[in-house]
Amino acid sequence: MTKQARDNAVIIAGETLATIQQDEDLIKDFIDLCEGANVVLACRVSPKQKAEIVEMMRARNPEKTTLAIGDGANDVNMITAAHIGVGISGLEGQQAVRAADYGIGKFKFLKNLLYCHGREAYRRNSYAISYMFYKNIMETFPIFVFGIRSIFSGT
């Protein structure tokens, strides 16, 4: 029996989100649903509600990183509430780009941004750390050998 992997998305409207936020049990169920999804889309919600969704996820999982992507002034609260904010400059203005950690010109540049500043940056940092260990060993080994040869006399 093979298990099929599915990509899931949660799409929620503003009125539904307001109803969910009135009951603690519904909030917990909503967050459980969001955790099982690959993406959460909120449509017809206020800027305050967008930020509240991000804050709910941060409160439930403080060890996880949140990413918010927006293109207008109504997304500024959400972008500032997330760990990483990406602003897309567009027809609605530059407010999202000014409030964001990263600014891009078009949505299609998001893939390159996540690759270059995500996994690729981690790979480059790990390579640099390995090089630093190698360099420090190669610089201190001759001094240590000279110390053995001179019987650590200090002269």
C-alpha atoms as a PDB file:
ATOM      1  CA  MET A   1       0.000   0.000   0.000  1.00  0.00           C
ATOM      2  CA  THR A   2       1.522   3.285  -1.067  1.00  0.00           C
ATOM      3  CA  LYS A   3       0.949   6.512   0.737  1.00  0.00           C
ATOM      4  CA  GLN A   4       0.286   9.547  -1.395  1.00  0.00           C
ATOM      5  CA  ALA A   5       1.645  12.891  -0.283  1.00  0.00           C
ATOM      6  CA  ARG A   6      -0.675  15.811  -0.809  1.00  0.00           C
ATOM      7  CA  ASP A   7      -0.081  19.490  -0.712  1.00  0.00           C
ATOM      8  CA  ASN A   8      -2.665  21.193   1.452  1.00  0.00           C
ATOM      9  CA  ALA A   9      -3.661  24.829   1.709  1.00  0.00           C
ATOM     10  CA  VAL A  10      -5.914  26.646   4.138  1.00  0.00           C
ATOM     11  CA  ILE A  11      -7.958  29.509   2.716  1.00  0.00           C
ATOM     12  CA  ILE A  12      -9.939  31.601   5.167  1.00  0.00           C
ATOM     13  CA  ALA A  13     -12.139  34.680   4.803  1.00  0.00           C
ATOM     14  CA  GLY A  14     -12.235  37.614   7.194  1.00  0.00           C
ATOM     15  CA  GLU A  15     -15.730  36.975   8.598  1.00  0.00           C
ATOM     16  CA  THR A  16     -14.881  33.345   9.282  1.00  0.00           C
ATOM     17  CA  LEU A  17     -11.654  34.352  11.002  1.00  0.00           C
ATOM     18  CA  ALA A  18     -13.563  36.813  13.227  1.00  0.00           C
ATOM     19  CA  THR A  19     -15.927  33.984  14.244  1.00  0.00           C
ATOM     20  CA  ILE A  20     -12.990  31.670  14.993  1.00  0.00           C
ATOM     21  CA  GLN A  21     -11.256  34.290  17.137  1.00  0.00           C
ATOM     22  CA  GLN A  22     -14.250  34.485  19.500  1.00  0.00           C
ATOM     23  CA  ASP A  23     -13.816  30.898  20.735  1.00  0.00           C
ATOM     24  CA  GLU A  24     -10.582  29.474  22.218  1.00  0.00           C
ATOM     25  CA  ASP A  25     -11.373  25.907  21.105  1.00  0.00           C
ATOM     26  CA  LEU A  26     -11.903  27.059  17.529  1.00  0.00           C
ATOM     27  CA  ILE A  27      -8.588  28.938  17.628  1.00  0.00           C
ATOM     28  CA  LYS A  28      -6.782  25.761  18.688  1.00  0.00           C
ATOM     29  CA  ASP A  29      -8.521  23.756  15.942  1.00  0.00           C
ATOM     30  CA  PHE A  30      -7.691  26.436  13.375  1.00  0.00           C
ATOM     31  CA  ILE A  31      -4.017  26.466  14.351  1.00  0.00           C
ATOM     32  CA  ASP A  32      -3.915  22.648  14.189  1.00  0.00           C
ATOM     33  CA  LEU A  33      -5.388  22.855  10.701  1.00  0.00           C
ATOM     34  CA  CYS A  34      -2.847  25.505   9.674  1.00  0.00           C
ATOM     35  CA  GLU A  35       0.063  23.426  10.985  1.00  0.00           C
ATOM     36  CA  GLY A  36      -0.917  20.570   8.680  1.00  0.00           C
ATOM     37  CA  ALA A  37      -1.012  22.833   5.636  1.00  0.00           C
ATOM     38  CA  ASN A  38       1.816  23.964   3.401  1.00  0.00           C
ATOM     39  CA  VAL A  39       0.375  27.451   2.989  1.00  0.00           C
ATOM     40  CA  VAL A  40      -2.241  29.607   4.690  1.00  0.00           C
ATOM     41  CA  LEU A  41      -4.078  32.175   2.575  1.00  0.00           C
ATOM     42  CA  ALA A  42      -6.310  34.811   4.111  1.00  0.00           C
ATOM     43  CA  CYS A  43      -8.656  36.750   1.858  1.00  0.00           C
ATOM     44  CA  ARG A  44     -10.927  39.661   2.688  1.00  0.00           C
ATOM     45  CA  VAL A  45      -9.264  40.177   6.077  1.00  0.00           C
ATOM     46  CA  SER A  46      -8.259  43.380   7.789  1.00  0.00           C
ATOM     47  CA  PRO A  47      -4.594  44.264   8.327  1.00  0.00           C
ATOM     48  CA  LYS A  48      -5.058  43.607  12.047  1.00  0.00           C
ATOM     49  CA  GLN A  49      -6.395  40.108  11.360  1.00  0.00           C
ATOM     50  CA  LYS A  50      -3.415  39.329   9.129  1.00  0.00           C
ATOM     51  CA  ALA A  51      -1.041  40.211  11.942  1.00  0.00           C
ATOM     52  CA  GLU A  52      -3.133  38.196  14.425  1.00  0.00           C
ATOM     53  CA  ILE A  53      -2.791  35.050  12.290  1.00  0.00           C
ATOM     54  CA  VAL A  54       0.989  35.401  12.344  1.00  0.00           C
ATOM     55  CA  GLU A  55       0.977  36.118  16.094  1.00  0.00           C
ATOM     56  CA  MET A  56      -1.202  33.044  16.747  1.00  0.00           C
ATOM     57  CA  MET A  57       1.287  30.856  14.899  1.00  0.00           C
ATOM     58  CA  ARG A  58       4.248  32.446  16.715  1.00  0.00           C
ATOM     59  CA  ALA A  59       2.578  31.962  20.109  1.00  0.00           C
ATOM     60  CA  ARG A  60       1.794  28.307  19.407  1.00  0.00           C
ATOM     61  CA  ASN A  61       5.249  27.452  17.992  1.00  0.00           C
ATOM     62  CA  PRO A  62       7.854  29.909  19.286  1.00  0.00           C
ATOM     63  CA  GLU A  63      10.714  27.789  17.919  1.00  0.00           C
ATOM     64  CA  LYS A  64       9.461  27.947  14.316  1.00  0.00           C
ATOM     65  CA  THR A  65      10.161  30.793  11.903  1.00  0.00           C
ATOM     66  CA  THR A  66       7.334  32.648  10.209  1.00  0.00           C
ATOM     67  CA  LEU A  67       7.512  34.282   6.782  1.00  0.00           C
ATOM     68  CA  ALA A  68       5.067  36.944   5.616  1.00  0.00           C
ATOM     69  CA  ILE A  69       4.873  38.222   2.045  1.00  0.00           C
ATOM     70  CA  GLY A  70       2.935  41.328   1.105  1.00  0.00           C
ATOM     71  CA  ASP A  71       2.695  43.973  -1.577  1.00  0.00           C
ATOM     72  CA  GLY A  72       0.771  46.868  -0.088  1.00  0.00           C
ATOM     73  CA  ALA A  73       0.138  49.086   2.905  1.00  0.00           C
ATOM     74  CA  ASN A  74      -2.478  46.657   4.240  1.00  0.00           C
ATOM     75  CA  ASP A  75       0.235  44.001   4.656  1.00  0.00           C
ATOM     76  CA  VAL A  76       2.604  46.089   6.802  1.00  0.00           C
ATOM     77  CA  ASN A  77       1.228  44.800  10.144  1.00  0.00           C
ATOM     78  CA  MET A  78       1.597  41.200   8.995  1.00  0.00           C
ATOM     79  CA  ILE A  79       5.131  41.762   7.674  1.00  0.00           C
ATOM     80  CA  THR A  80       6.304  43.354  10.913  1.00  0.00           C
ATOM     81  CA  ALA A  81       4.678  40.624  13.034  1.00  0.00           C
ATOM     82  CA  ALA A  82       6.544  37.809  11.241  1.00  0.00           C
ATOM     83  CA  HIS A  83      10.143  36.771  11.830  1.00  0.00           C
ATOM     84  CA  ILE A  84      10.987  37.388   8.183  1.00  0.00           C
ATOM     85  CA  GLY A  85       9.084  39.898   6.113  1.00  0.00           C
ATOM     86  CA  VAL A  86       9.244  40.149   2.334  1.00  0.00           C
ATOM     87  CA  GLY A  87       7.816  43.197   0.627  1.00  0.00           C
ATOM     88  CA  ILE A  88       6.974  43.278  -3.053  1.00  0.00           C
ATOM     89  CA  SER A  89       7.085  46.685  -4.708  1.00  0.00           C
ATOM     90  CA  GLY A  90       4.184  47.178  -7.019  1.00  0.00           C
ATOM     91  CA  LEU A  91       1.226  49.295  -7.981  1.00  0.00           C
ATOM     92  CA  GLU A  92       0.082  49.773  -4.391  1.00  0.00           C
ATOM     93  CA  GLY A  93       3.251  51.602  -3.380  1.00  0.00           C
ATOM     94  CA  GLN A  94       6.398  51.014  -1.387  1.00  0.00           C
ATOM     95  CA  GLN A  95       5.010  50.722   2.166  1.00  0.00           C
ATOM     96  CA  ALA A  96       5.434  46.941   2.313  1.00  0.00           C
ATOM     97  CA  VAL A  97       9.007  47.149   1.009  1.00  0.00           C
ATOM     98  CA  ARG A  98       9.918  49.802   3.571  1.00  0.00           C
ATOM     99  CA  ALA A  99       8.559  47.709   6.458  1.00  0.00           C
ATOM    100  CA  ALA A 100      10.052  44.414   5.246  1.00  0.00           C
ATOM    101  CA  ASP A 101      13.373  42.724   5.914  1.00  0.00           C
ATOM    102  CA  TYR A 102      13.752  41.955   2.209  1.00  0.00           C
ATOM    103  CA  GLY A 103      12.292  43.810  -0.735  1.00  0.00           C
ATOM    104  CA  ILE A 104      11.811  42.372  -4.211  1.00  0.00           C
ATOM    105  CA  GLY A 105      10.477  43.839  -7.433  1.00  0.00           C
ATOM    106  CA  LYS A 106       8.237  40.980  -8.567  1.00  0.00           C
ATOM    107  CA  PHE A 107       6.722  37.879  -7.004  1.00  0.00           C
ATOM    108  CA  LYS A 108       8.719  35.629  -9.336  1.00  0.00           C
ATOM    109  CA  PHE A 109      11.950  36.773  -7.610  1.00  0.00           C
ATOM    110  CA  LEU A 110      10.840  35.118  -4.360  1.00  0.00           C
ATOM    111  CA  LYS A 111      12.284  31.732  -5.337  1.00  0.00           C
ATOM    112  CA  ASN A 112      15.725  33.226  -5.925  1.00  0.00           C
ATOM    113  CA  LEU A 113      15.513  35.193  -2.673  1.00  0.00           C
ATOM    114  CA  LEU A 114      14.689  32.119  -0.597  1.00  0.00           C
ATOM    115  CA  TYR A 115      17.396  30.083  -2.295  1.00  0.00           C
ATOM    116  CA  CYS A 116      20.173  32.687  -2.014  1.00  0.00           C
ATOM    117  CA  HIS A 117      19.374  33.798   1.529  1.00  0.00           C
ATOM    118  CA  GLY A 118      18.144  30.433   2.751  1.00  0.00           C
ATOM    119  CA  ARG A 119      19.914  27.178   2.047  1.00  0.00           C
ATOM    120  CA  GLU A 120      22.715  28.689  -0.012  1.00  0.00           C
ATOM    121  CA  ALA A 121      23.676  31.116   2.769  1.00  0.00           C
ATOM    122  CA  TYR A 122      23.721  28.208   5.242  1.00  0.00           C
ATOM    123  CA  ARG A 123      25.985  26.233   2.918  1.00  0.00           C
ATOM    124  CA  ARG A 124      28.396  29.160   2.461  1.00  0.00           C
ATOM    125  CA  ASN A 125      28.555  29.774   6.219  1.00  0.00           C
ATOM    126  CA  SER A 126      29.300  26.114   6.979  1.00  0.00           C
ATOM    127  CA  TYR A 127      32.077  26.132   4.373  1.00  0.00           C
ATOM    128  CA  ALA A 128      33.593  29.287   5.900  1.00  0.00           C
ATOM    129  CA  ILE A 129      33.526  27.782   9.400  1.00  0.00           C
ATOM    130  CA  SER A 130      35.267  24.619   8.159  1.00  0.00           C
ATOM    131  CA  TYR A 131      37.894  26.759   6.453  1.00  0.00           C
ATOM    132  CA  MET A 132      38.479  28.759   9.650  1.00  0.00           C
ATOM    133  CA  PHE A 133      39.143  25.537  11.621  1.00  0.00           C
ATOM    134  CA  TYR A 134      41.572  24.347   8.939  1.00  0.00           C
ATOM    135  CA  LYS A 135      43.341  27.723   8.818  1.00  0.00           C
ATOM    136  CA  ASN A 136      43.735  27.933  12.598  1.00  0.00           C
ATOM    137  CA  ILE A 137      45.132  24.401  12.821  1.00  0.00           C
ATOM    138  CA  MET A 138      47.625  25.077  10.040  1.00  0.00           C
ATOM    139  CA  GLU A 139      48.784  28.307  11.709  1.00  0.00           C
ATOM    140  CA  THR A 140      49.209  26.873  15.216  1.00  0.00           C
ATOM    141  CA  PHE A 141      50.702  23.471  14.334  1.00  0.00           C
ATOM    142  CA  PRO A 142      54.163  24.841  13.313  1.00  0.00           C
ATOM    143  CA  ILE A 143      54.330  26.886  16.531  1.00  0.00           C
ATOM    144  CA  PHE A 144      53.510  23.786  18.568  1.00  0.00           C
ATOM    145  CA  VAL A 145      56.159  21.707  16.734  1.00  0.00           C
ATOM    146  CA  PHE A 146      58.745  24.461  17.289  1.00  0.00           C
ATOM    147  CA  GLY A 147      57.838  24.449  20.990  1.00  0.00           C
ATOM    148  CA  ILE A 148      58.504  20.707  21.207  1.00  0.00           C
ATOM    149  CA  ARG A 149      61.816  21.095  19.356  1.00  0.00           C
ATOM    150  CA  SER A 150      62.968  23.958  21.622  1.00  0.00           C
ATOM    151  CA  ILE A 151      61.719  22.124  24.727  1.00  0.00           C
ATOM    152  CA  PHE A 152      59.283  24.990  25.331  1.00  0.00           C
ATOM    153  CA  SER A 153      62.124  27.208  26.459  1.00  0.00           C
ATOM    154  CA  GLY A 154      60.539  30.436  25.249  1.00  0.00           C
ATOM    155  CA  THR A 155      63.708  31.592  23.519  1.00  0.00           C
END
